[in-house]
Amino acid sequence: MNKPARYHSFAIVLHWAMALGVAFMIGSGLYMVNGDLPKAQQFDLYQIHKASGVVVLWAVALRVVLRFMLPRPALPSSIPPTQRRKAAYGHVALYCLLFIIPIAGWVMVSASPFGLPTFVFFDWLKWPHIPGIARNKTVEGIANAAHWYGMLALVMLLCAHIGAVVLHKIKHSENLLKRMWW
């Protein structure tokens, strides 16, 4: 079976939309927790962050489905097997974290003592809380830690992901970006 030279256009759009979404999630999450915001603005940012997290969760689910449905380009033959394995493990880790982090956020919101709802798509859809964990400080604390440390791990993996693309371009003259660009 012939492998395409680049990813499918829909996969490319979804990849870059998710890249922007994840960057927004990291930035907004750090700012809403550490920024000097009036309570009303902080509340609004929390709501936007939670709603965006639901969208990221659905987007990553769609990415996983597309990964199995659409043909992917092969890595260049110049990339050794050990680096191919590292790339595969790195992608699996990225997908896992992109599921774990929003799910941990969902658990944290569901277990929060405040019980505030999450609205998605401009208050059109109310996202449900996970049943049976309402107002559970222990569950909330564990989910908070998973959310925080998951984000730190994701940032490190994203740096490695981007660094690998740059390294292959500079050191090996392999332009891997063209596979995931228009």
N, C-alpha and C. Protein backbone atom coordinates (compact mmCIF):
# COMPACT_ATOMS: atom_id res chain seq x y z
N MET A 1 0.84 -1.18 0.00
CA MET A 1 0.00 0.00 0.00
C MET A 1 0.89 1.25 0.00
N ASN A 2 0.59 2.16 -0.88
CA ASN A 2 1.36 3.40 -0.96
C ASN A 2 1.03 4.31 0.21
N LYS A 3 2.07 4.84 0.80
CA LYS A 3 1.90 5.80 1.90
C LYS A 3 1.85 7.20 1.30
N PRO A 4 0.97 8.05 1.83
CA PRO A 4 0.95 9.44 1.33
C PRO A 4 2.20 10.20 1.77
N ALA A 5 2.48 11.31 1.10
CA ALA A 5 3.64 12.13 1.44
C ALA A 5 3.37 12.99 2.66
N ARG A 6 2.10 13.23 2.94
CA ARG A 6 1.74 14.07 4.08
C ARG A 6 0.44 13.55 4.69
N TYR A 7 0.13 14.08 5.86
CA TYR A 7 -1.11 13.69 6.54
C TYR A 7 -2.32 14.24 5.78
N HIS A 8 -3.46 13.64 6.02
CA HIS A 8 -4.72 14.10 5.44
C HIS A 8 -5.00 15.53 5.91
N SER A 9 -5.62 16.33 5.05
CA SER A 9 -5.88 17.74 5.38
C SER A 9 -6.68 17.90 6.67
N PHE A 10 -7.65 17.03 6.89
CA PHE A 10 -8.45 17.14 8.11
C PHE A 10 -7.59 16.87 9.34
N ALA A 11 -6.69 15.89 9.25
CA ALA A 11 -5.79 15.60 10.37
C ALA A 11 -4.85 16.78 10.63
N ILE A 12 -4.42 17.44 9.56
CA ILE A 12 -3.53 18.60 9.70
C ILE A 12 -4.26 19.75 10.39
N VAL A 13 -5.46 20.04 9.95
CA VAL A 13 -6.24 21.12 10.57
C VAL A 13 -6.49 20.80 12.04
N LEU A 14 -6.87 19.57 12.32
CA LEU A 14 -7.14 19.17 13.71
C LEU A 14 -5.87 19.25 14.56
N HIS A 15 -4.74 18.84 14.01
CA HIS A 15 -3.46 18.90 14.74
C HIS A 15 -3.15 20.33 15.15
N TRP A 16 -3.23 21.27 14.21
CA TRP A 16 -2.86 22.66 14.52
C TRP A 16 -3.92 23.35 15.38
N ALA A 17 -5.19 23.00 15.19
CA ALA A 17 -6.24 23.55 16.06
C ALA A 17 -6.02 23.07 17.49
N MET A 18 -5.65 21.80 17.64
CA MET A 18 -5.38 21.28 18.98
C MET A 18 -4.12 21.91 19.56
N ALA A 19 -3.11 22.16 18.73
CA ALA A 19 -1.90 22.82 19.22
C ALA A 19 -2.25 24.19 19.80
N LEU A 20 -3.08 24.94 19.08
CA LEU A 20 -3.52 26.25 19.59
C LEU A 20 -4.36 26.08 20.86
N GLY A 21 -5.26 25.09 20.84
CA GLY A 21 -6.11 24.84 22.00
C GLY A 21 -5.31 24.46 23.24
N VAL A 22 -4.31 23.61 23.06
CA VAL A 22 -3.48 23.19 24.20
C VAL A 22 -2.66 24.37 24.70
N ALA A 23 -2.13 25.18 23.79
CA ALA A 23 -1.38 26.37 24.21
C ALA A 23 -2.29 27.30 25.01
N PHE A 24 -3.53 27.48 24.54
CA PHE A 24 -4.49 28.31 25.28
C PHE A 24 -4.78 27.70 26.65
N MET A 25 -4.97 26.39 26.70
CA MET A 25 -5.29 25.72 27.97
C MET A 25 -4.15 25.90 28.98
N ILE A 26 -2.92 25.73 28.54
CA ILE A 26 -1.77 25.88 29.44
C ILE A 26 -1.68 27.32 29.93
N GLY A 27 -1.76 28.27 28.98
CA GLY A 27 -1.67 29.68 29.35
C GLY A 27 -2.80 30.13 30.25
N SER A 28 -4.03 29.77 29.89
CA SER A 28 -5.18 30.21 30.70
C SER A 28 -5.17 29.53 32.07
N GLY A 29 -4.75 28.27 32.11
CA GLY A 29 -4.69 27.56 33.39
C GLY A 29 -3.69 28.19 34.34
N LEU A 30 -2.52 28.52 33.83
CA LEU A 30 -1.51 29.17 34.68
C LEU A 30 -1.95 30.56 35.10
N TYR A 31 -2.57 31.29 34.17
CA TYR A 31 -2.99 32.66 34.49
C TYR A 31 -4.15 32.70 35.47
N MET A 32 -5.12 31.80 35.31
CA MET A 32 -6.29 31.85 36.20
C MET A 32 -5.92 31.46 37.63
N VAL A 33 -4.89 30.65 37.79
CA VAL A 33 -4.47 30.23 39.12
C VAL A 33 -3.48 31.22 39.74
N ASN A 34 -2.58 31.77 38.92
CA ASN A 34 -1.50 32.61 39.44
C ASN A 34 -1.65 34.10 39.16
N GLY A 35 -2.55 34.46 38.26
CA GLY A 35 -2.71 35.87 37.90
C GLY A 35 -3.44 36.66 38.97
N ASP A 36 -3.19 37.93 38.99
CA ASP A 36 -3.87 38.82 39.93
C ASP A 36 -5.14 39.34 39.25
N LEU A 37 -6.19 38.54 39.34
CA LEU A 37 -7.45 38.84 38.66
C LEU A 37 -8.55 39.14 39.67
N PRO A 38 -9.45 40.04 39.32
CA PRO A 38 -10.66 40.17 40.14
C PRO A 38 -11.43 38.85 40.10
N LYS A 39 -12.13 38.54 41.17
CA LYS A 39 -12.83 37.25 41.29
C LYS A 39 -13.79 36.98 40.12
N ALA A 40 -14.49 38.02 39.64
CA ALA A 40 -15.43 37.82 38.54
C ALA A 40 -14.70 37.41 37.27
N GLN A 41 -13.56 38.03 36.99
CA GLN A 41 -12.79 37.66 35.80
C GLN A 41 -12.16 36.28 35.96
N GLN A 42 -11.71 35.97 37.15
CA GLN A 42 -11.14 34.66 37.41
C GLN A 42 -12.21 33.58 37.20
N PHE A 43 -13.42 33.82 37.70
CA PHE A 43 -14.53 32.88 37.51
C PHE A 43 -14.81 32.68 36.02
N ASP A 44 -14.87 33.78 35.26
CA ASP A 44 -15.12 33.68 33.81
C ASP A 44 -14.03 32.87 33.12
N LEU A 45 -12.77 33.11 33.51
CA LEU A 45 -11.66 32.38 32.90
C LEU A 45 -11.73 30.90 33.26
N TYR A 46 -12.10 30.58 34.48
CA TYR A 46 -12.29 29.18 34.86
C TYR A 46 -13.35 28.52 33.96
N GLN A 47 -14.44 29.22 33.72
CA GLN A 47 -15.51 28.67 32.89
C GLN A 47 -15.03 28.44 31.46
N ILE A 48 -14.30 29.39 30.92
CA ILE A 48 -13.77 29.25 29.56
C ILE A 48 -12.76 28.10 29.52
N HIS A 49 -11.92 28.01 30.53
CA HIS A 49 -10.91 26.95 30.60
C HIS A 49 -11.59 25.57 30.67
N LYS A 50 -12.61 25.44 31.50
CA LYS A 50 -13.31 24.16 31.63
C LYS A 50 -14.00 23.79 30.31
N ALA A 51 -14.67 24.74 29.69
CA ALA A 51 -15.35 24.47 28.43
C ALA A 51 -14.34 24.09 27.34
N SER A 52 -13.21 24.78 27.32
CA SER A 52 -12.18 24.47 26.33
C SER A 52 -11.59 23.08 26.58
N GLY A 53 -11.49 22.70 27.84
CA GLY A 53 -11.01 21.36 28.17
C GLY A 53 -11.91 20.27 27.62
N VAL A 54 -13.22 20.49 27.67
CA VAL A 54 -14.18 19.54 27.10
C VAL A 54 -13.97 19.44 25.60
N VAL A 55 -13.77 20.58 24.94
CA VAL A 55 -13.54 20.60 23.49
C VAL A 55 -12.25 19.85 23.16
N VAL A 56 -11.19 20.08 23.93
CA VAL A 56 -9.91 19.38 23.71
C VAL A 56 -10.11 17.88 23.88
N LEU A 57 -10.86 17.47 24.88
CA LEU A 57 -11.11 16.04 25.11
C LEU A 57 -11.79 15.41 23.89
N TRP A 58 -12.80 16.06 23.37
CA TRP A 58 -13.49 15.55 22.18
C TRP A 58 -12.58 15.58 20.95
N ALA A 59 -11.76 16.62 20.83
CA ALA A 59 -10.85 16.73 19.69
C ALA A 59 -9.81 15.61 19.73
N VAL A 60 -9.31 15.29 20.89
CA VAL A 60 -8.31 14.22 20.98
C VAL A 60 -8.95 12.87 20.68
N ALA A 61 -10.18 12.68 21.09
CA ALA A 61 -10.89 11.44 20.75
C ALA A 61 -11.04 11.32 19.23
N LEU A 62 -11.38 12.42 18.59
CA LEU A 62 -11.50 12.43 17.13
C LEU A 62 -10.13 12.18 16.49
N ARG A 63 -9.07 12.75 17.03
CA ARG A 63 -7.72 12.52 16.50
C ARG A 63 -7.36 11.05 16.56
N VAL A 64 -7.68 10.38 17.65
CA VAL A 64 -7.36 8.97 17.79
C VAL A 64 -8.12 8.15 16.75
N VAL A 65 -9.40 8.45 16.57
CA VAL A 65 -10.20 7.74 15.57
C VAL A 65 -9.60 7.96 14.17
N LEU A 66 -9.26 9.21 13.86
CA LEU A 66 -8.69 9.52 12.54
C LEU A 66 -7.34 8.84 12.34
N ARG A 67 -6.60 8.71 13.41
CA ARG A 67 -5.27 8.08 13.31
C ARG A 67 -5.38 6.65 12.79
N PHE A 68 -6.47 5.97 13.13
CA PHE A 68 -6.66 4.61 12.66
C PHE A 68 -7.40 4.54 11.33
N MET A 69 -8.11 5.60 10.98
CA MET A 69 -8.91 5.58 9.76
C MET A 69 -8.15 6.11 8.53
N LEU A 70 -7.33 7.12 8.74
CA LEU A 70 -6.67 7.78 7.61
C LEU A 70 -5.24 7.27 7.45
N PRO A 71 -4.79 7.14 6.21
CA PRO A 71 -3.39 6.72 6.02
C PRO A 71 -2.43 7.80 6.49
N ARG A 72 -1.30 7.35 7.03
CA ARG A 72 -0.28 8.28 7.52
C ARG A 72 0.97 8.15 6.67
N PRO A 73 1.71 9.24 6.54
CA PRO A 73 2.96 9.13 5.79
C PRO A 73 3.99 8.34 6.59
N ALA A 74 4.83 7.63 5.88
CA ALA A 74 5.90 6.87 6.53
C ALA A 74 7.01 7.85 6.93
N LEU A 75 7.71 7.50 7.99
CA LEU A 75 8.89 8.28 8.37
C LEU A 75 9.97 8.05 7.31
N PRO A 76 10.81 9.04 7.08
CA PRO A 76 11.90 8.85 6.11
C PRO A 76 12.78 7.66 6.49
N SER A 77 13.29 6.97 5.49
CA SER A 77 14.11 5.77 5.75
C SER A 77 15.41 6.11 6.47
N SER A 78 15.81 7.37 6.45
CA SER A 78 17.05 7.77 7.13
C SER A 78 16.92 7.78 8.65
N ILE A 79 15.70 7.69 9.15
CA ILE A 79 15.49 7.70 10.60
C ILE A 79 15.68 6.27 11.12
N PRO A 80 16.64 6.09 12.04
CA PRO A 80 16.94 4.73 12.54
C PRO A 80 15.78 4.15 13.37
N PRO A 81 15.74 2.81 13.48
CA PRO A 81 14.66 2.15 14.21
C PRO A 81 14.50 2.62 15.65
N THR A 82 15.61 2.91 16.35
CA THR A 82 15.48 3.36 17.74
C THR A 82 14.74 4.69 17.81
N GLN A 83 15.02 5.59 16.88
CA GLN A 83 14.32 6.87 16.86
C GLN A 83 12.87 6.71 16.44
N ARG A 84 12.60 5.76 15.58
CA ARG A 84 11.21 5.47 15.19
C ARG A 84 10.40 5.01 16.40
N ARG A 85 11.02 4.13 17.20
CA ARG A 85 10.35 3.65 18.42
C ARG A 85 10.12 4.80 19.39
N LYS A 86 11.13 5.64 19.57
CA LYS A 86 10.98 6.79 20.46
C LYS A 86 9.86 7.70 19.98
N ALA A 87 9.77 7.91 18.67
CA ALA A 87 8.69 8.75 18.11
C ALA A 87 7.33 8.11 18.38
N ALA A 88 7.24 6.80 18.20
CA ALA A 88 5.97 6.11 18.44
C ALA A 88 5.58 6.20 19.92
N TYR A 89 6.53 5.94 20.82
CA TYR A 89 6.25 6.04 22.25
C TYR A 89 5.88 7.47 22.64
N GLY A 90 6.57 8.42 22.06
CA GLY A 90 6.28 9.83 22.34
C GLY A 90 4.87 10.20 21.92
N HIS A 91 4.45 9.72 20.74
CA HIS A 91 3.09 10.02 20.29
C HIS A 91 2.04 9.36 21.18
N VAL A 92 2.30 8.13 21.59
CA VAL A 92 1.37 7.45 22.50
C VAL A 92 1.28 8.23 23.82
N ALA A 93 2.42 8.66 24.32
CA ALA A 93 2.43 9.44 25.57
C ALA A 93 1.68 10.76 25.41
N LEU A 94 1.85 11.42 24.27
CA LEU A 94 1.11 12.67 24.01
C LEU A 94 -0.39 12.42 24.03
N TYR A 95 -0.83 11.39 23.31
CA TYR A 95 -2.26 11.08 23.28
C TYR A 95 -2.78 10.73 24.68
N CYS A 96 -2.02 9.95 25.41
CA CYS A 96 -2.45 9.58 26.78
C CYS A 96 -2.61 10.82 27.64
N LEU A 97 -1.61 11.70 27.62
CA LEU A 97 -1.70 12.92 28.43
C LEU A 97 -2.84 13.82 27.97
N LEU A 98 -3.08 13.87 26.67
CA LEU A 98 -4.18 14.70 26.16
C LEU A 98 -5.55 14.15 26.57
N PHE A 99 -5.61 12.90 26.98
CA PHE A 99 -6.82 12.35 27.58
C PHE A 99 -6.81 12.55 29.10
N ILE A 100 -5.70 12.21 29.71
CA ILE A 100 -5.61 12.22 31.18
C ILE A 100 -5.83 13.62 31.76
N ILE A 101 -5.22 14.62 31.16
CA ILE A 101 -5.31 15.98 31.73
C ILE A 101 -6.74 16.51 31.75
N PRO A 102 -7.48 16.47 30.63
CA PRO A 102 -8.86 16.96 30.73
C PRO A 102 -9.76 16.08 31.60
N ILE A 103 -9.51 14.78 31.61
CA ILE A 103 -10.31 13.91 32.47
C ILE A 103 -10.03 14.23 33.93
N ALA A 104 -8.75 14.47 34.27
CA ALA A 104 -8.41 14.87 35.64
C ALA A 104 -9.09 16.20 35.99
N GLY A 105 -9.13 17.12 35.03
CA GLY A 105 -9.84 18.38 35.25
C GLY A 105 -11.32 18.15 35.49
N TRP A 106 -11.90 17.25 34.72
CA TRP A 106 -13.33 16.93 34.87
C TRP A 106 -13.59 16.32 36.24
N VAL A 107 -12.71 15.41 36.67
CA VAL A 107 -12.85 14.80 38.00
C VAL A 107 -12.72 15.89 39.07
N MET A 108 -11.74 16.78 38.90
CA MET A 108 -11.52 17.85 39.87
C MET A 108 -12.76 18.74 40.00
N VAL A 109 -13.35 19.11 38.88
CA VAL A 109 -14.56 19.95 38.89
C VAL A 109 -15.73 19.19 39.51
N SER A 110 -15.84 17.92 39.18
CA SER A 110 -16.93 17.10 39.71
C SER A 110 -16.84 16.90 41.21
N ALA A 111 -15.60 16.84 41.74
CA ALA A 111 -15.39 16.60 43.17
C ALA A 111 -15.27 17.89 43.97
N SER A 112 -15.29 19.02 43.29
CA SER A 112 -15.10 20.31 43.96
C SER A 112 -16.19 20.57 44.99
N PRO A 113 -15.83 21.23 46.10
CA PRO A 113 -16.85 21.58 47.10
C PRO A 113 -17.83 22.64 46.58
N PHE A 114 -17.48 23.33 45.51
CA PHE A 114 -18.36 24.38 44.98
C PHE A 114 -19.47 23.83 44.10
N GLY A 115 -19.22 22.71 43.42
CA GLY A 115 -20.25 22.09 42.58
C GLY A 115 -20.70 22.95 41.41
N LEU A 116 -19.82 23.81 40.91
CA LEU A 116 -20.20 24.70 39.81
C LEU A 116 -20.32 23.93 38.50
N PRO A 117 -21.34 24.23 37.70
CA PRO A 117 -21.52 23.53 36.43
C PRO A 117 -20.49 23.99 35.39
N THR A 118 -20.33 23.17 34.37
CA THR A 118 -19.48 23.51 33.22
C THR A 118 -20.39 23.63 32.01
N PHE A 119 -20.33 24.77 31.35
CA PHE A 119 -21.11 24.99 30.14
C PHE A 119 -20.17 25.02 28.95
N VAL A 120 -20.58 24.37 27.87
CA VAL A 120 -19.76 24.26 26.67
C VAL A 120 -20.51 24.92 25.51
N PHE A 121 -19.76 25.40 24.55
CA PHE A 121 -20.31 26.02 23.35
C PHE A 121 -21.23 27.19 23.68
N PHE A 122 -20.64 28.19 24.35
CA PHE A 122 -21.33 29.45 24.64
C PHE A 122 -22.61 29.23 25.44
N ASP A 123 -22.50 28.44 26.49
CA ASP A 123 -23.60 28.15 27.41
C ASP A 123 -24.74 27.35 26.77
N TRP A 124 -24.46 26.71 25.66
CA TRP A 124 -25.49 25.95 24.97
C TRP A 124 -25.66 24.56 25.57
N LEU A 125 -24.57 23.97 26.05
CA LEU A 125 -24.60 22.60 26.55
C LEU A 125 -24.01 22.55 27.95
N LYS A 126 -24.73 21.95 28.86
CA LYS A 126 -24.21 21.77 30.23
C LYS A 126 -23.50 20.41 30.29
N TRP A 127 -22.21 20.45 30.61
CA TRP A 127 -21.41 19.23 30.72
C TRP A 127 -21.66 18.62 32.10
N PRO A 128 -21.98 17.33 32.17
CA PRO A 128 -22.35 16.73 33.47
C PRO A 128 -21.14 16.52 34.37
N HIS A 129 -21.40 16.50 35.66
CA HIS A 129 -20.38 16.09 36.62
C HIS A 129 -20.36 14.57 36.68
N ILE A 130 -19.23 14.03 37.10
CA ILE A 130 -19.11 12.59 37.27
C ILE A 130 -19.86 12.21 38.54
N PRO A 131 -20.79 11.29 38.45
CA PRO A 131 -21.60 10.95 39.63
C PRO A 131 -20.79 10.26 40.72
N GLY A 132 -21.19 10.50 41.96
CA GLY A 132 -20.64 9.80 43.11
C GLY A 132 -19.40 10.40 43.73
N ILE A 133 -18.92 11.53 43.21
CA ILE A 133 -17.70 12.10 43.79
C ILE A 133 -17.89 13.56 44.21
N ALA A 134 -19.12 14.03 44.22
CA ALA A 134 -19.38 15.43 44.56
C ALA A 134 -18.84 15.76 45.95
N ARG A 135 -18.21 16.92 46.03
CA ARG A 135 -17.71 17.48 47.29
C ARG A 135 -16.77 16.52 48.03
N ASN A 136 -15.90 15.86 47.27
CA ASN A 136 -14.95 14.91 47.85
C ASN A 136 -13.55 15.52 47.73
N LYS A 137 -13.07 16.06 48.84
CA LYS A 137 -11.77 16.77 48.85
C LYS A 137 -10.60 15.86 48.50
N THR A 138 -10.67 14.59 48.90
CA THR A 138 -9.58 13.66 48.60
C THR A 138 -9.49 13.43 47.09
N VAL A 139 -10.61 13.14 46.47
CA VAL A 139 -10.64 12.93 45.02
C VAL A 139 -10.23 14.20 44.29
N GLU A 140 -10.71 15.33 44.78
CA GLU A 140 -10.36 16.60 44.15
C GLU A 140 -8.85 16.83 44.22
N GLY A 141 -8.23 16.54 45.36
CA GLY A 141 -6.79 16.73 45.52
C GLY A 141 -5.98 15.84 44.60
N ILE A 142 -6.38 14.59 44.48
CA ILE A 142 -5.68 13.65 43.60
C ILE A 142 -5.82 14.10 42.15
N ALA A 143 -7.03 14.50 41.76
CA ALA A 143 -7.27 14.96 40.39
C ALA A 143 -6.49 16.25 40.11
N ASN A 144 -6.42 17.12 41.10
CA ASN A 144 -5.67 18.36 40.94
C ASN A 144 -4.19 18.06 40.69
N ALA A 145 -3.63 17.13 41.45
CA ALA A 145 -2.23 16.75 41.25
C ALA A 145 -2.03 16.12 39.87
N ALA A 146 -2.93 15.25 39.46
CA ALA A 146 -2.82 14.61 38.14
C ALA A 146 -2.91 15.66 37.04
N HIS A 147 -3.79 16.63 37.22
CA HIS A 147 -3.96 17.71 36.24
C HIS A 147 -2.68 18.53 36.13
N TRP A 148 -2.11 18.92 37.28
CA TRP A 148 -0.90 19.75 37.31
C TRP A 148 0.32 19.00 36.78
N TYR A 149 0.58 17.81 37.32
CA TYR A 149 1.76 17.07 36.88
C TYR A 149 1.62 16.54 35.46
N GLY A 150 0.39 16.25 35.06
CA GLY A 150 0.14 15.88 33.67
C GLY A 150 0.49 17.03 32.72
N MET A 151 0.10 18.25 33.12
CA MET A 151 0.43 19.41 32.30
C MET A 151 1.94 19.60 32.21
N LEU A 152 2.65 19.44 33.32
CA LEU A 152 4.11 19.58 33.29
C LEU A 152 4.73 18.53 32.36
N ALA A 153 4.26 17.30 32.46
CA ALA A 153 4.76 16.24 31.58
C ALA A 153 4.43 16.54 30.12
N LEU A 154 3.23 17.07 29.88
CA LEU A 154 2.84 17.42 28.51
C LEU A 154 3.75 18.50 27.94
N VAL A 155 4.06 19.52 28.74
CA VAL A 155 4.95 20.58 28.27
C VAL A 155 6.31 19.99 27.91
N MET A 156 6.82 19.09 28.74
CA MET A 156 8.12 18.47 28.43
C MET A 156 8.04 17.64 27.15
N LEU A 157 6.97 16.88 26.99
CA LEU A 157 6.81 16.07 25.78
C LEU A 157 6.64 16.94 24.54
N LEU A 158 5.92 18.04 24.67
CA LEU A 158 5.76 18.95 23.53
C LEU A 158 7.11 19.56 23.15
N CYS A 159 7.91 19.90 24.13
CA CYS A 159 9.26 20.41 23.83
C CYS A 159 10.08 19.36 23.09
N ALA A 160 9.99 18.10 23.53
CA ALA A 160 10.70 17.01 22.85
C ALA A 160 10.15 16.80 21.44
N HIS A 161 8.84 16.87 21.28
CA HIS A 161 8.17 16.70 19.99
C HIS A 161 8.65 17.78 19.00
N ILE A 162 8.60 19.02 19.42
CA ILE A 162 9.03 20.13 18.57
C ILE A 162 10.55 20.06 18.36
N GLY A 163 11.27 19.74 19.43
CA GLY A 163 12.72 19.63 19.33
C GLY A 163 13.16 18.56 18.34
N ALA A 164 12.44 17.44 18.29
CA ALA A 164 12.77 16.37 17.34
C ALA A 164 12.61 16.85 15.90
N VAL A 165 11.55 17.60 15.65
CA VAL A 165 11.34 18.13 14.29
C VAL A 165 12.47 19.08 13.92
N VAL A 166 12.83 19.96 14.85
CA VAL A 166 13.92 20.92 14.59
C VAL A 166 15.24 20.18 14.43
N LEU A 167 15.53 19.22 15.30
CA LEU A 167 16.77 18.46 15.24
C LEU A 167 16.92 17.74 13.90
N HIS A 168 15.85 17.09 13.45
CA HIS A 168 15.92 16.36 12.18
C HIS A 168 16.13 17.32 11.01
N LYS A 169 15.59 18.51 11.10
CA LYS A 169 15.79 19.50 10.04
C LYS A 169 17.23 19.98 10.02
N ILE A 170 17.75 20.33 11.19
CA ILE A 170 19.10 20.91 11.28
C ILE A 170 20.18 19.85 11.08
N LYS A 171 20.07 18.75 11.80
CA LYS A 171 21.13 17.75 11.82
C LYS A 171 21.08 16.80 10.63
N HIS A 172 19.88 16.44 10.20
CA HIS A 172 19.74 15.41 9.17
C HIS A 172 19.13 15.93 7.87
N SER A 173 18.83 17.21 7.81
CA SER A 173 18.19 17.83 6.63
C SER A 173 16.90 17.13 6.24
N GLU A 174 16.18 16.61 7.24
CA GLU A 174 14.88 15.97 7.04
C GLU A 174 13.79 16.95 7.46
N ASN A 175 12.98 17.38 6.52
CA ASN A 175 11.91 18.33 6.83
C ASN A 175 10.64 17.55 7.19
N LEU A 176 10.53 17.16 8.46
CA LEU A 176 9.36 16.41 8.90
C LEU A 176 8.11 17.29 8.98
N LEU A 177 8.31 18.58 9.11
CA LEU A 177 7.17 19.50 9.23
C LEU A 177 6.29 19.48 7.98
N LYS A 178 6.87 19.25 6.83
CA LYS A 178 6.08 19.27 5.59
C LYS A 178 5.01 18.17 5.59
N ARG A 179 5.20 17.15 6.42
CA ARG A 179 4.19 16.07 6.50
C ARG A 179 2.94 16.54 7.23
N MET A 180 3.09 17.56 8.11
CA MET A 180 1.97 18.04 8.93
C MET A 180 1.70 19.51 8.65
N TRP A 181 1.99 19.96 7.45
CA TRP A 181 1.75 21.35 7.05
C TRP A 181 1.03 21.36 5.72
N TRP A 182 0.43 22.51 5.40
CA TRP A 182 -0.32 22.61 4.16
C TRP A 182 0.60 22.73 2.96
